[in-house]
Amino acid sequence: MKENGLLWLFVQCFIYSGVLSTVAGNVQNNVQSDEKLVYVTYGSTHQFKPCSRRAWSFCTWSREGVEECSSGPSASVIQQTICQISGSRWLDDCVLEVRNMTDSKAGVWSLNILLGNSEEQEFVKCEEKISIAYPAKVSMTKLPYSMIVGEPYVVQCTADSTNPPPVIKSFVKSENNTRYLEEATDRQGKRVNIFQFTPELQEAGSIEVWCTLEQDIGYDVLRHDAALTSTVIFPPQPPTHPLKAEVLVNETAEISFVVRSLPVPTLADISWHFVGPNSSTSFQMMGTDGNENYKISLQVLKEDLVNITVTISCVSPTDKEINQYIRIQTAAGSRDYQIYLNVSTEDPLDLESSSVAHIILALSIGTLLVLVIGISLLLNAKATGKWCFATGKTKEPEITLSHQQEGDGNNGDTQNISGMVACKQQIL
């Protein structure tokens, strides 16, 4: 049996070498070669399969020109290489399985196949260029604890392996938005990718910044992700309406306004500035300072919204002459809010009431004049005896008085009575 086995191997090798040397000139036009790049992950098991489905006479596997195994009656192990090759003459059996792929087993693997019979033979060479793929992991540089809206930042994604070359991307995920970042200048090749990130107002609050990595190994895509969290903040926003107030001297003025800011300011972040004609009349006070005449209070409405109230308890004429503004300074920036005071010495309502009083006084005086004139007419009528006036030309009756009546002390009264009788007669 042993002699028969050795004889069989001798015959196979003779046929293989003889056929190759004999038909080299005759079948050189029929030589087929197929080489492709194949990525195999480190430590995995890989199967090399033939590139033709035709019946074969002889096949052998080699790596970088060194034979690893050839066709035989049973599988053999050569450096953890299992040659599952039988003598059934079908290429399905000419399959090479290599376990624990490492860098020592990378390179060009060749399958040499002799196809056909003695009359018509064809030599086929299948090649695979094996490259050991190392699954890469991506890492990120640390991000600031908070990032300000409108300011540029750099996101650096680094891969620890470049075989096969990874495709690295970066995106930002917020509560209301997800967007991919544009790649900036690549300073260190494919291992390090730099991305530019400028936060937007709609991304305010907690965000996640991601780096994603993909490696295409042909039959699969290897992926790995990394993420860091940060907070997008923004400075105090402009007021929704002017900070105006109309107030009387020695009265209290109160102005309230809503400010959107993240983070929201505290009293320590607010200051009240007074700018006069010169430095001696200019000063400022902090929101935390205690002052009887000037006071700042606030109420937090939301995470990014606060209501601020400034109060002047005793307004003086100089409050109008001095330029006043509120400054809010947070970690995201600062903004000034101008205060407009219209200070007057008289209440507009009092002026209106005074005008009404003047009108009433004028009417009263007019009414009094009418009464005086009426009384004067009555007194005059009583003195003259003319109580009524005829509109027609009626002749008044003559009244003859005796000398006795003229000397009488009741002459005036008698005349008045006679006149009244005559007025009645005219009326009748």
Protein backbone atom coordinates (compact mmCIF):
# COMPACT_ATOMS: atom_id res chain seq x y z
CA MET A 1 0.00 0.00 0.00
CA LYS A 2 2.80 2.37 0.87
CA GLU A 3 4.56 1.59 -2.39
CA ASN A 4 1.34 2.19 -4.33
CA GLY A 5 0.88 5.57 -2.62
CA LEU A 6 4.38 6.69 -3.45
CA LEU A 7 3.93 5.49 -6.99
CA TRP A 8 0.73 7.48 -7.29
CA LEU A 9 2.40 10.67 -6.06
CA PHE A 10 5.33 10.08 -8.44
CA VAL A 11 2.96 9.64 -11.34
CA GLN A 12 1.02 12.80 -10.43
CA CYS A 13 4.15 14.91 -10.14
CA PHE A 14 5.47 13.47 -13.40
CA ILE A 15 2.24 14.20 -15.17
CA TYR A 16 2.09 17.72 -13.72
CA SER A 17 5.67 18.62 -14.58
CA GLY A 18 5.60 16.80 -17.86
CA VAL A 19 2.35 18.25 -18.98
CA LEU A 20 3.39 21.75 -18.06
CA SER A 21 6.68 21.47 -19.89
CA THR A 22 5.12 19.73 -22.89
CA VAL A 23 2.17 21.99 -23.38
CA ALA A 24 3.85 25.22 -22.39
CA GLY A 25 4.42 26.14 -26.01
CA ASN A 26 1.15 24.69 -27.25
CA VAL A 27 -1.18 26.07 -24.56
CA GLN A 28 0.47 29.36 -23.78
CA ASN A 29 -2.27 31.13 -25.67
CA ASN A 30 -4.76 29.42 -23.44
CA VAL A 31 -3.21 30.54 -20.14
CA GLN A 32 -5.70 32.46 -18.02
CA SER A 33 -4.75 34.58 -15.03
CA ASP A 34 -7.09 36.25 -12.56
CA GLU A 35 -5.67 38.37 -9.71
CA LYS A 36 -7.84 40.34 -7.32
CA LEU A 37 -7.24 42.19 -4.08
CA VAL A 38 -8.92 40.56 -1.12
CA TYR A 39 -9.00 41.95 2.42
CA VAL A 40 -8.98 39.33 5.15
CA THR A 41 -9.43 40.36 8.76
CA TYR A 42 -6.60 39.59 11.13
CA GLY A 43 -6.91 36.20 12.87
CA SER A 44 -9.83 35.01 10.75
CA THR A 45 -10.19 31.94 8.54
CA HIS A 46 -10.17 32.39 4.77
CA GLN A 47 -11.15 30.05 1.96
CA PHE A 48 -9.46 30.28 -1.42
CA LYS A 49 -11.78 29.06 -4.14
CA PRO A 50 -10.92 28.28 -7.77
CA CYS A 51 -11.80 30.70 -10.53
CA SER A 52 -13.04 28.05 -12.99
CA ARG A 53 -15.80 25.48 -12.82
CA ARG A 54 -14.39 23.03 -15.37
CA ALA A 55 -13.07 19.55 -14.58
CA TRP A 56 -9.41 19.52 -13.69
CA SER A 57 -6.55 17.10 -13.95
CA PHE A 58 -4.23 18.61 -11.37
CA CYS A 59 -4.23 21.63 -9.02
CA THR A 60 -1.78 23.17 -6.62
CA TRP A 61 -1.76 26.18 -4.29
CA SER A 62 1.23 28.40 -3.72
CA ARG A 63 1.97 31.67 -1.89
CA GLU A 64 4.46 34.10 -3.34
CA GLY A 65 5.70 31.29 -5.60
CA VAL A 66 6.21 28.81 -2.78
CA GLU A 67 3.97 25.75 -2.95
CA GLU A 68 1.77 25.33 0.06
CA CYS A 69 -0.19 22.23 -0.95
CA SER A 70 -1.29 20.26 -3.99
CA SER A 71 -3.87 17.71 -4.92
CA GLY A 72 -3.69 14.51 -2.93
CA PRO A 73 -5.77 11.69 -1.54
CA SER A 74 -6.56 13.54 1.68
CA ALA A 75 -6.35 16.92 3.38
CA SER A 76 -2.99 17.97 4.75
CA VAL A 77 -1.96 20.68 7.21
CA ILE A 78 0.99 22.90 6.35
CA GLN A 79 1.64 25.72 8.85
CA GLN A 80 -2.02 25.75 9.91
CA THR A 81 -2.96 25.67 6.24
CA ILE A 82 -5.56 23.01 5.51
CA CYS A 83 -5.68 21.84 1.91
CA GLN A 84 -9.08 20.32 1.38
CA ILE A 85 -8.17 18.80 -1.96
CA SER A 86 -9.34 15.35 -3.03
CA GLY A 87 -8.96 13.54 -6.29
CA SER A 88 -12.52 13.85 -7.48
CA ARG A 89 -11.48 16.03 -10.43
CA TRP A 90 -14.06 18.74 -9.59
CA LEU A 91 -12.95 22.21 -8.67
CA ASP A 92 -15.35 22.33 -5.76
CA ASP A 93 -12.87 20.01 -4.10
CA CYS A 94 -9.86 22.19 -4.96
CA VAL A 95 -10.57 24.63 -2.13
CA LEU A 96 -7.90 25.98 0.16
CA GLU A 97 -8.81 26.99 3.70
CA VAL A 98 -6.30 28.97 5.72
CA ARG A 99 -6.84 29.54 9.41
CA ASN A 100 -5.54 32.33 11.62
CA MET A 101 -4.67 34.77 8.89
CA THR A 102 -1.76 37.00 9.88
CA ASP A 103 0.75 39.21 8.11
CA SER A 104 2.95 36.15 7.49
CA LYS A 105 0.20 34.73 5.28
CA ALA A 106 -0.45 37.89 3.30
CA GLY A 107 0.66 38.25 -0.29
CA VAL A 108 -0.26 36.70 -3.62
CA TRP A 109 -1.81 33.25 -3.45
CA SER A 110 -1.94 31.31 -6.71
CA LEU A 111 -4.01 28.34 -7.78
CA ASN A 112 -2.50 26.49 -10.74
CA ILE A 113 -4.96 24.20 -12.47
CA LEU A 114 -4.49 21.83 -15.37
CA LEU A 115 -7.82 21.45 -17.12
CA GLY A 116 -9.06 19.02 -19.76
CA ASN A 117 -7.71 15.70 -21.01
CA SER A 118 -4.52 14.72 -22.78
CA GLU A 119 -5.84 15.80 -26.17
CA GLU A 120 -6.99 19.29 -25.20
CA GLN A 121 -5.52 20.78 -22.08
CA GLU A 122 -5.59 24.25 -20.62
CA PHE A 123 -3.54 25.77 -17.87
CA VAL A 124 -5.44 28.19 -15.59
CA LYS A 125 -3.86 30.34 -12.93
CA CYS A 126 -6.09 31.97 -10.29
CA GLU A 127 -4.52 34.57 -8.03
CA GLU A 128 -5.68 36.43 -4.93
CA LYS A 129 -3.65 39.21 -3.43
CA ILE A 130 -4.33 38.89 0.25
CA SER A 131 -4.10 41.96 2.45
CA ILE A 132 -4.62 41.60 6.16
CA ALA A 133 -7.33 44.00 7.30
CA TYR A 134 -7.16 45.42 10.77
CA PRO A 135 -10.58 46.61 11.98
CA ALA A 136 -10.03 50.25 12.85
CA LYS A 137 -11.36 52.18 15.79
CA VAL A 138 -12.01 55.89 15.68
CA SER A 139 -11.29 58.32 18.50
CA MET A 140 -11.98 62.01 19.04
CA THR A 141 -10.15 64.89 20.59
CA LYS A 142 -11.83 66.44 23.60
CA LEU A 143 -14.43 69.11 22.97
CA PRO A 144 -14.97 72.26 25.07
CA TYR A 145 -17.50 71.92 27.83
CA SER A 146 -19.56 74.62 26.09
CA MET A 147 -19.47 76.03 22.56
CA ILE A 148 -20.75 79.48 21.61
CA VAL A 149 -23.14 80.00 18.72
CA GLY A 150 -21.41 81.49 15.68
CA GLU A 151 -17.85 80.64 16.72
CA PRO A 152 -15.87 78.00 14.75
CA TYR A 153 -14.57 74.83 16.40
CA VAL A 154 -12.51 71.87 15.21
CA VAL A 155 -13.57 68.24 15.49
CA GLN A 156 -10.70 65.79 14.98
CA CYS A 157 -11.42 62.13 14.23
CA THR A 158 -8.50 59.69 14.29
CA ALA A 159 -8.42 56.09 13.06
CA ASP A 160 -5.94 53.64 14.57
CA SER A 161 -5.69 51.61 11.36
CA THR A 162 -5.69 52.43 7.67
CA ASN A 163 -5.89 48.99 6.05
CA PRO A 164 -8.18 49.09 4.25
CA PRO A 165 -8.37 52.91 4.04
CA PRO A 166 -11.22 54.07 6.28
CA VAL A 167 -13.94 56.51 5.34
CA ILE A 168 -14.38 58.92 8.26
CA LYS A 169 -17.34 61.23 8.68
CA SER A 170 -18.62 63.49 11.44
CA PHE A 171 -22.06 64.80 12.32
CA VAL A 172 -23.76 66.77 15.08
CA LYS A 173 -26.99 65.64 16.69
CA SER A 174 -29.09 68.05 18.73
CA GLU A 175 -32.63 67.91 20.04
CA ASN A 176 -34.08 69.54 16.92
CA ASN A 177 -31.47 68.96 14.25
CA THR A 178 -28.92 66.52 12.81
CA ARG A 179 -26.37 67.62 10.24
CA TYR A 180 -23.08 66.35 8.82
CA LEU A 181 -19.98 68.49 9.15
CA GLU A 182 -17.78 69.63 6.32
CA GLU A 183 -14.28 68.20 6.21
CA ALA A 184 -11.49 70.70 6.66
CA THR A 185 -7.88 70.35 5.50
CA ASP A 186 -6.56 66.85 6.02
CA ARG A 187 -3.22 67.39 7.74
CA GLN A 188 -2.14 63.80 8.37
CA GLY A 189 -3.53 61.73 5.56
CA LYS A 190 -6.34 59.24 5.97
CA ARG A 191 -5.58 58.45 9.59
CA VAL A 192 -6.69 61.87 10.87
CA ASN A 193 -9.64 63.82 9.56
CA ILE A 194 -10.37 67.40 10.64
CA PHE A 195 -13.91 68.79 10.54
CA GLN A 196 -15.13 72.36 10.97
CA PHE A 197 -18.06 72.95 13.31
CA THR A 198 -19.84 76.30 13.83
CA PRO A 199 -22.82 75.92 16.21
CA GLU A 200 -26.14 77.40 15.17
CA LEU A 201 -28.82 78.99 17.35
CA GLN A 202 -31.27 76.15 16.67
CA GLU A 203 -28.71 73.73 18.13
CA ALA A 204 -28.61 75.51 21.50
CA GLY A 205 -28.57 73.19 24.48
CA SER A 206 -27.10 69.72 24.83
CA ILE A 207 -25.61 68.22 21.64
CA GLU A 208 -23.74 65.09 20.59
CA VAL A 209 -20.78 65.25 18.21
CA TRP A 210 -20.08 61.96 16.39
CA CYS A 211 -17.18 60.49 14.43
CA THR A 212 -18.04 57.48 12.24
CA LEU A 213 -15.64 55.13 10.49
CA GLU A 214 -16.29 52.58 7.74
CA GLN A 215 -13.92 50.06 6.10
CA ASP A 216 -15.03 48.17 3.01
CA ILE A 217 -13.40 44.72 2.88
CA GLY A 218 -15.42 43.51 -0.07
CA TYR A 219 -17.69 40.98 1.53
CA ASP A 220 -18.45 43.18 4.53
CA VAL A 221 -18.25 46.75 5.83
CA LEU A 222 -16.55 47.28 9.17
CA ARG A 223 -17.93 50.17 11.24
CA HIS A 224 -16.98 51.96 14.40
CA ASP A 225 -18.35 55.10 16.07
CA ALA A 226 -17.31 57.53 18.79
CA ALA A 227 -19.30 60.37 20.35
CA LEU A 228 -18.82 63.21 22.82
CA THR A 229 -21.34 65.58 24.37
CA SER A 230 -21.17 69.33 24.80
CA THR A 231 -23.48 72.31 25.32
CA VAL A 232 -24.15 75.03 22.78
CA ILE A 233 -24.66 78.42 24.44
CA PHE A 234 -25.51 81.86 23.04
CA PRO A 235 -25.14 85.46 24.30
CA PRO A 236 -28.05 87.67 25.45
CA GLN A 237 -30.35 88.46 22.53
CA PRO A 238 -31.70 91.92 21.55
CA PRO A 239 -34.79 93.16 23.42
CA THR A 240 -38.20 92.66 21.87
CA HIS A 241 -39.23 96.26 22.65
CA PRO A 242 -37.51 99.50 23.76
CA LEU A 243 -36.95 100.02 27.47
CA LYS A 244 -39.05 103.19 27.90
CA ALA A 245 -40.87 104.77 30.85
CA GLU A 246 -42.70 108.04 31.53
CA VAL A 247 -42.45 109.17 35.11
CA LEU A 248 -42.85 112.25 37.33
CA VAL A 249 -40.11 113.69 39.44
CA ASN A 250 -39.94 112.06 42.89
CA GLU A 251 -42.11 109.19 41.67
CA THR A 252 -41.11 105.52 41.11
CA ALA A 253 -40.18 104.23 37.64
CA GLU A 254 -40.27 100.51 36.83
CA ILE A 255 -39.18 98.89 33.55
CA SER A 256 -39.45 95.15 32.81
CA PHE A 257 -38.07 93.30 29.81
CA VAL A 258 -37.50 89.66 28.80
CA VAL A 259 -34.04 88.44 27.77
CA ARG A 260 -33.26 85.20 25.95
CA SER A 261 -29.84 83.86 26.85
CA LEU A 262 -28.09 80.54 27.53
CA PRO A 263 -26.99 80.39 30.21
CA VAL A 264 -29.49 82.75 31.79
CA PRO A 265 -27.82 85.61 33.68
CA THR A 266 -27.72 85.94 37.44
CA LEU A 267 -27.70 89.21 39.38
CA ALA A 268 -23.92 89.00 39.45
CA ASP A 269 -23.93 89.08 35.62
CA ILE A 270 -25.98 92.31 35.44
CA SER A 271 -24.71 95.85 35.91
CA TRP A 272 -26.44 99.26 35.71
CA HIS A 273 -24.39 102.00 34.07
CA PHE A 274 -24.89 105.76 34.48
CA VAL A 275 -22.96 107.97 32.05
CA GLY A 276 -23.04 111.71 32.79
CA PRO A 277 -21.43 114.73 31.13
CA ASN A 278 -18.17 114.03 32.93
CA SER A 279 -16.49 111.31 34.90
CA SER A 280 -17.65 112.70 38.24
CA THR A 281 -21.27 112.08 37.26
CA SER A 282 -20.64 108.63 35.80
CA PHE A 283 -20.83 105.46 37.84
CA GLN A 284 -22.16 101.93 37.80
CA MET A 285 -23.74 99.47 40.18
CA MET A 286 -23.93 95.68 40.10
CA GLY A 287 -27.14 93.74 40.33
CA THR A 288 -26.04 92.39 43.68
CA ASP A 289 -25.38 95.87 45.14
CA GLY A 290 -27.91 97.13 47.63
CA ASN A 291 -29.25 100.59 46.76
CA GLU A 292 -32.34 102.35 48.04
CA ASN A 293 -33.03 104.26 44.83
CA TYR A 294 -31.89 101.77 42.17
CA LYS A 295 -32.78 98.08 42.23
CA ILE A 296 -32.47 95.14 39.81
CA SER A 297 -34.55 91.97 40.14
CA LEU A 298 -34.99 88.96 37.87
CA GLN A 299 -37.21 85.92 37.43
CA VAL A 300 -36.17 82.83 35.47
CA LEU A 301 -38.96 81.80 33.09
CA LYS A 302 -37.30 78.96 31.15
CA GLU A 303 -33.91 77.36 30.72
CA ASP A 304 -32.96 80.14 28.30
CA LEU A 305 -35.44 82.90 29.24
CA VAL A 306 -35.41 85.43 32.10
CA ASN A 307 -37.49 88.49 33.04
CA ILE A 308 -35.50 91.46 34.36
CA THR A 309 -37.02 94.44 36.21
CA VAL A 310 -35.18 97.69 36.98
CA THR A 311 -36.70 100.11 39.51
CA ILE A 312 -35.91 103.77 40.30
CA SER A 313 -37.68 104.55 43.56
CA CYS A 314 -37.24 108.33 43.47
CA VAL A 315 -36.78 109.81 40.01
CA SER A 316 -34.90 113.09 39.82
CA PRO A 317 -34.48 115.49 36.87
CA THR A 318 -30.87 114.32 36.49
CA ASP A 319 -32.09 110.81 35.69
CA LYS A 320 -33.25 112.15 32.36
CA GLU A 321 -29.97 113.92 31.67
CA ILE A 322 -27.81 110.87 32.47
CA ASN A 323 -27.41 108.13 29.88
CA GLN A 324 -28.48 104.85 31.52
CA TYR A 325 -28.16 101.30 30.24
CA ILE A 326 -28.18 97.74 31.57
CA ARG A 327 -25.26 95.46 30.66
CA ILE A 328 -25.60 91.67 30.80
CA GLN A 329 -22.36 89.66 30.69
CA THR A 330 -22.50 85.84 30.50
CA ALA A 331 -20.09 83.11 29.48
CA ALA A 332 -21.42 83.37 25.92
CA GLY A 333 -21.00 87.14 25.54
CA SER A 334 -22.47 90.50 26.55
CA ARG A 335 -25.13 92.97 25.42
CA ASP A 336 -26.22 96.48 26.47
CA TYR A 337 -29.86 97.48 26.92
CA GLN A 338 -30.53 101.23 26.67
CA ILE A 339 -33.00 102.83 29.12
CA TYR A 340 -35.17 105.73 27.93
CA LEU A 341 -36.73 107.91 30.67
CA ASN A 342 -39.23 110.69 30.01
CA VAL A 343 -39.16 112.73 33.25
CA SER A 344 -41.66 115.56 33.75
CA THR A 345 -42.61 117.84 36.65
CA GLU A 346 -46.38 117.72 36.02
CA ASP A 347 -48.61 114.77 35.66
CA PRO A 348 -50.31 114.69 32.24
CA LEU A 349 -53.49 113.64 34.02
CA ASP A 350 -53.26 116.74 36.26
CA LEU A 351 -52.86 118.91 33.17
CA GLU A 352 -55.97 117.40 31.69
CA SER A 353 -57.89 117.89 34.93
CA SER A 354 -56.66 121.49 35.06
CA SER A 355 -57.99 122.12 31.56
CA VAL A 356 -61.38 120.73 32.54
CA ALA A 357 -61.38 122.93 35.66
CA HIS A 358 -60.61 125.96 33.54
CA ILE A 359 -63.55 125.19 31.29
CA ILE A 360 -65.85 124.75 34.27
CA LEU A 361 -64.60 128.03 35.75
CA ALA A 362 -65.22 129.85 32.48
CA LEU A 363 -68.75 128.44 32.30
CA SER A 364 -69.33 129.44 35.90
CA ILE A 365 -68.14 132.98 35.27
CA GLY A 366 -70.31 133.17 32.16
CA THR A 367 -73.31 131.97 34.09
CA LEU A 368 -72.60 134.51 36.84
CA LEU A 369 -72.38 137.32 34.30
CA VAL A 370 -75.74 136.28 32.85
CA LEU A 371 -77.26 136.34 36.33
CA VAL A 372 -75.79 139.79 37.07
CA ILE A 373 -77.10 141.14 33.82
CA GLY A 374 -80.53 139.66 34.52
CA ILE A 375 -80.64 141.14 38.00
CA SER A 376 -79.55 144.53 36.64
CA LEU A 377 -82.37 144.46 34.11
CA LEU A 378 -84.87 143.61 36.79
CA LEU A 379 -83.66 146.43 39.01
CA ASN A 380 -83.74 148.82 36.13
CA ALA A 381 -87.26 147.73 35.23
CA LYS A 382 -88.31 148.25 38.80
CA ALA A 383 -86.77 151.73 38.84
CA THR A 384 -88.30 152.81 35.55
CA GLY A 385 -91.53 150.94 35.82
CA LYS A 386 -90.97 149.25 32.50
CA TRP A 387 -91.55 145.56 33.20
CA CYS A 388 -92.46 144.61 29.69
CA PHE A 389 -92.10 146.01 26.24
CA ALA A 390 -94.64 146.08 23.45
CA THR A 391 -93.55 145.20 20.03
CA GLY A 392 -96.29 147.27 18.32
CA LYS A 393 -96.78 151.08 18.20
CA THR A 394 -99.51 151.33 20.86
CA LYS A 395 -99.97 154.73 22.35
CA GLU A 396 -99.60 154.79 26.07
CA PRO A 397 -102.50 156.44 28.02
CA GLU A 398 -101.71 159.76 29.56
CA ILE A 399 -101.72 160.06 33.27
CA THR A 400 -102.69 163.44 34.80
CA LEU A 401 -101.56 164.17 38.24
CA SER A 402 -103.03 166.78 40.49
CA HIS A 403 -100.98 169.23 42.36
CA GLN A 404 -102.02 167.43 45.43
CA GLN A 405 -100.63 164.18 44.13
CA GLU A 406 -97.37 165.81 43.18
CA GLY A 407 -96.87 166.94 46.71
CA ASP A 408 -97.78 163.61 48.11
CA GLY A 409 -94.93 161.54 49.43
CA ASN A 410 -96.43 158.39 47.81
CA ASN A 411 -96.20 159.86 44.38
CA GLY A 412 -93.64 157.32 43.15
CA ASP A 413 -95.55 154.31 44.36
CA THR A 414 -98.80 155.65 42.86
CA GLN A 415 -97.07 156.14 39.54
CA ASN A 416 -95.65 152.60 39.60
CA ILE A 417 -99.01 151.11 40.33
CA SER A 418 -100.64 153.19 37.60
CA GLY A 419 -97.94 151.98 35.20
CA MET A 420 -98.52 148.35 36.12
CA VAL A 421 -102.29 148.88 35.55
CA ALA A 422 -101.59 150.44 32.21
CA CYS A 423 -99.18 147.49 31.27
CA LYS A 424 -101.98 145.07 32.13
CA GLN A 425 -104.46 147.06 29.98
CA GLN A 426 -102.07 146.88 27.05
CA ILE A 427 -101.70 143.17 27.55
CA LEU A 428 -105.50 142.77 27.70
